Amino acid sequence: QLKCAKRSIPEKVFIRTYEDHRMAMAFAPLALIVPEIEIEDFQVVEKSYPAFWEDLKKTGFEVQYD
């Protein structure tokens, strides 16, 4: 059994990918509820889905690269 409770939402979240493209892709939708997320080593998605960030932009997400 899993129980989840609503907690306060942080203003910014930092995600470590550990060089795993799945981490970057799995946590990107967190931007729907967290005002700002920063994903370390965002380029790791190129391994399996090179257009991931561009496709995410097309769905309405704001994506910025550093």
N, C-alpha and C. Protein backbone atom coordinates (compact mmCIF):
# COMPACT_ATOMS: atom_id res chain seq x y z
N GLN A 1 0.85 -1.16 0.00
CA GLN A 1 0.00 0.00 0.00
C GLN A 1 0.90 1.23 0.00
N LEU A 2 0.54 2.19 -0.83
CA LEU A 2 1.30 3.44 -0.94
C LEU A 2 0.39 4.59 -0.58
N LYS A 3 0.85 5.46 0.29
CA LYS A 3 0.08 6.65 0.65
C LYS A 3 0.92 7.87 0.34
N CYS A 4 0.32 8.84 -0.30
CA CYS A 4 1.00 10.08 -0.62
C CYS A 4 0.22 11.24 -0.03
N ALA A 5 0.92 12.22 0.46
CA ALA A 5 0.28 13.41 1.02
C ALA A 5 0.86 14.64 0.35
N LYS A 6 0.05 15.63 0.17
CA LYS A 6 0.51 16.87 -0.44
C LYS A 6 1.41 17.62 0.55
N ARG A 7 2.52 18.05 0.06
CA ARG A 7 3.48 18.83 0.86
C ARG A 7 3.68 20.17 0.17
N SER A 8 4.40 21.05 0.83
CA SER A 8 4.70 22.32 0.18
C SER A 8 5.60 22.07 -1.03
N ILE A 9 5.42 22.85 -2.05
CA ILE A 9 6.17 22.68 -3.29
C ILE A 9 7.36 23.63 -3.28
N PRO A 10 8.57 23.10 -3.47
CA PRO A 10 9.75 23.98 -3.49
C PRO A 10 9.75 24.88 -4.72
N GLU A 11 10.42 25.99 -4.63
CA GLU A 11 10.52 26.92 -5.75
C GLU A 11 11.44 26.39 -6.85
N LYS A 12 12.46 25.65 -6.44
CA LYS A 12 13.43 25.15 -7.40
C LYS A 12 13.90 23.77 -6.97
N VAL A 13 14.09 22.89 -7.94
CA VAL A 13 14.56 21.54 -7.67
C VAL A 13 15.75 21.25 -8.57
N PHE A 14 16.78 20.62 -8.03
CA PHE A 14 17.96 20.22 -8.80
C PHE A 14 17.94 18.70 -8.93
N ILE A 15 18.02 18.21 -10.16
CA ILE A 15 17.98 16.77 -10.42
C ILE A 15 19.35 16.30 -10.92
N ARG A 16 19.92 15.35 -10.23
CA ARG A 16 21.16 14.72 -10.69
C ARG A 16 20.77 13.53 -11.58
N THR A 17 21.37 13.44 -12.75
CA THR A 17 21.02 12.36 -13.67
C THR A 17 21.89 11.12 -13.48
N TYR A 18 23.05 11.29 -12.86
CA TYR A 18 24.00 10.18 -12.71
C TYR A 18 24.30 9.55 -14.07
N GLU A 19 24.35 10.42 -15.10
CA GLU A 19 24.63 10.01 -16.48
C GLU A 19 23.61 9.01 -17.02
N ASP A 20 22.39 9.07 -16.52
CA ASP A 20 21.31 8.16 -16.92
C ASP A 20 20.21 8.96 -17.61
N HIS A 21 20.02 8.72 -18.90
CA HIS A 21 19.02 9.45 -19.67
C HIS A 21 17.62 9.29 -19.10
N ARG A 22 17.35 8.18 -18.47
CA ARG A 22 16.01 7.93 -17.90
C ARG A 22 15.71 8.88 -16.75
N MET A 23 16.73 9.27 -16.00
CA MET A 23 16.52 10.21 -14.90
C MET A 23 16.08 11.56 -15.43
N ALA A 24 16.75 12.04 -16.46
CA ALA A 24 16.40 13.34 -17.05
C ALA A 24 14.99 13.32 -17.61
N MET A 25 14.65 12.28 -18.33
CA MET A 25 13.33 12.21 -18.96
C MET A 25 12.22 11.96 -17.93
N ALA A 26 12.51 11.20 -16.91
CA ALA A 26 11.50 10.91 -15.89
C ALA A 26 11.14 12.12 -15.05
N PHE A 27 12.13 12.96 -14.75
CA PHE A 27 11.88 14.09 -13.87
C PHE A 27 11.51 15.38 -14.59
N ALA A 28 11.68 15.45 -15.89
CA ALA A 28 11.33 16.66 -16.64
C ALA A 28 9.88 17.08 -16.42
N PRO A 29 8.91 16.16 -16.41
CA PRO A 29 7.51 16.58 -16.19
C PRO A 29 7.25 17.19 -14.81
N LEU A 30 8.20 17.07 -13.90
CA LEU A 30 8.06 17.71 -12.59
C LEU A 30 7.85 19.21 -12.75
N ALA A 31 8.28 19.75 -13.88
CA ALA A 31 8.11 21.18 -14.15
C ALA A 31 6.64 21.58 -14.22
N LEU A 32 5.75 20.62 -14.31
CA LEU A 32 4.32 20.93 -14.30
C LEU A 32 3.86 21.48 -12.95
N ILE A 33 4.57 21.09 -11.87
CA ILE A 33 4.16 21.54 -10.54
C ILE A 33 5.21 22.35 -9.80
N VAL A 34 6.46 22.24 -10.19
CA VAL A 34 7.55 22.99 -9.56
C VAL A 34 7.91 24.15 -10.48
N PRO A 35 7.94 25.37 -9.96
CA PRO A 35 8.22 26.53 -10.81
C PRO A 35 9.51 26.42 -11.63
N GLU A 36 10.55 25.82 -11.07
CA GLU A 36 11.82 25.72 -11.79
C GLU A 36 12.53 24.44 -11.41
N ILE A 37 12.94 23.69 -12.43
CA ILE A 37 13.80 22.54 -12.17
C ILE A 37 15.07 22.69 -12.99
N GLU A 38 16.16 22.24 -12.42
CA GLU A 38 17.44 22.25 -13.12
C GLU A 38 17.90 20.81 -13.21
N ILE A 39 18.18 20.36 -14.43
CA ILE A 39 18.59 18.99 -14.64
C ILE A 39 20.06 18.97 -15.04
N GLU A 40 20.85 18.33 -14.18
CA GLU A 40 22.29 18.21 -14.42
C GLU A 40 22.52 17.32 -15.64
N ASP A 41 23.46 17.69 -16.48
CA ASP A 41 23.86 16.86 -17.61
C ASP A 41 22.66 16.48 -18.49
N PHE A 42 21.90 17.50 -18.89
CA PHE A 42 20.67 17.28 -19.65
C PHE A 42 20.90 16.60 -20.99
N GLN A 43 22.13 16.64 -21.49
CA GLN A 43 22.44 16.05 -22.80
C GLN A 43 22.37 14.52 -22.79
N VAL A 44 22.26 13.91 -21.64
CA VAL A 44 22.24 12.44 -21.59
C VAL A 44 21.06 11.86 -22.38
N VAL A 45 20.02 12.64 -22.61
CA VAL A 45 18.86 12.12 -23.35
C VAL A 45 19.20 11.80 -24.80
N GLU A 46 20.29 12.35 -25.30
CA GLU A 46 20.68 12.10 -26.69
C GLU A 46 20.94 10.62 -26.95
N LYS A 47 21.19 9.89 -25.91
CA LYS A 47 21.45 8.45 -26.03
C LYS A 47 20.24 7.71 -26.59
N SER A 48 19.05 8.08 -26.16
CA SER A 48 17.86 7.35 -26.57
C SER A 48 16.81 8.19 -27.29
N TYR A 49 16.84 9.52 -27.08
CA TYR A 49 15.79 10.38 -27.63
C TYR A 49 16.38 11.76 -27.87
N PRO A 50 17.16 11.91 -28.94
CA PRO A 50 17.87 13.17 -29.20
C PRO A 50 16.97 14.40 -29.28
N ALA A 51 15.74 14.25 -29.69
CA ALA A 51 14.83 15.40 -29.84
C ALA A 51 13.96 15.62 -28.60
N PHE A 52 14.28 14.97 -27.50
CA PHE A 52 13.43 15.03 -26.30
C PHE A 52 13.12 16.46 -25.87
N TRP A 53 14.13 17.30 -25.71
CA TRP A 53 13.91 18.66 -25.20
C TRP A 53 13.13 19.50 -26.21
N GLU A 54 13.40 19.33 -27.48
CA GLU A 54 12.65 20.07 -28.50
C GLU A 54 11.19 19.62 -28.53
N ASP A 55 10.97 18.32 -28.41
CA ASP A 55 9.59 17.82 -28.38
C ASP A 55 8.86 18.29 -27.12
N LEU A 56 9.58 18.39 -26.02
CA LEU A 56 8.97 18.88 -24.78
C LEU A 56 8.55 20.34 -24.96
N LYS A 57 9.38 21.12 -25.63
CA LYS A 57 9.03 22.52 -25.93
C LYS A 57 7.74 22.60 -26.74
N LYS A 58 7.59 21.70 -27.70
CA LYS A 58 6.40 21.70 -28.57
C LYS A 58 5.12 21.44 -27.79
N THR A 59 5.24 20.80 -26.63
CA THR A 59 4.05 20.52 -25.82
C THR A 59 3.74 21.65 -24.85
N GLY A 60 4.57 22.71 -24.86
CA GLY A 60 4.29 23.86 -24.02
C GLY A 60 5.25 24.08 -22.87
N PHE A 61 6.22 23.21 -22.70
CA PHE A 61 7.21 23.40 -21.64
C PHE A 61 8.20 24.49 -22.04
N GLU A 62 8.64 25.25 -21.06
CA GLU A 62 9.71 26.23 -21.30
C GLU A 62 11.03 25.53 -20.99
N VAL A 63 11.88 25.42 -21.99
CA VAL A 63 13.16 24.72 -21.83
C VAL A 63 14.27 25.70 -22.18
N GLN A 64 15.24 25.82 -21.26
CA GLN A 64 16.39 26.70 -21.49
C GLN A 64 17.66 25.88 -21.33
N TYR A 65 18.61 26.09 -22.21
CA TYR A 65 19.90 25.39 -22.16
C TYR A 65 20.98 26.34 -21.68
N ASP A 66 21.88 25.83 -20.87
CA ASP A 66 23.06 26.60 -20.45
C ASP A 66 24.29 26.03 -21.09
